């Protein structure tokens, strides 16, 4: 179709080739929210895969951040064998594993293959799920 100042300035494409704007009667805001929820689900899945395949003492990924990927809280509770984030003596954050709850708000945590340390609950990072 011709028009305006140049050939082909206006196009008419069949509706089927344009793509969907909203599905199932949902509005644009609903589509945006659904898209964000899908991205968050995907990120949770990646986080879970990384944590489950990590070995004790492995550094956490550089792109992980507190509050979105892991968090430290004195009110956190952990189960034996749970994969967590802990600080090594150098200050670097690594994957660790809960060995034992001591009953006084502290946990015995494996931070390397052949050793463990005792941490208060607020110094052990819970991985977001």
Foldseek 3Di string as FASTA:
>chain_A
DDDDDDGPPDDDDPPVVVDDCDPPPDDNVVVVVVVVVVVLVVVVVVLVVCQVPDDQQAADDPPDDEPSFKHFDLPDDDDFQDWWWAADPVRGIDIWTFHADPPPQWTWIGRDDPGTDIDHRRRIIDTDD
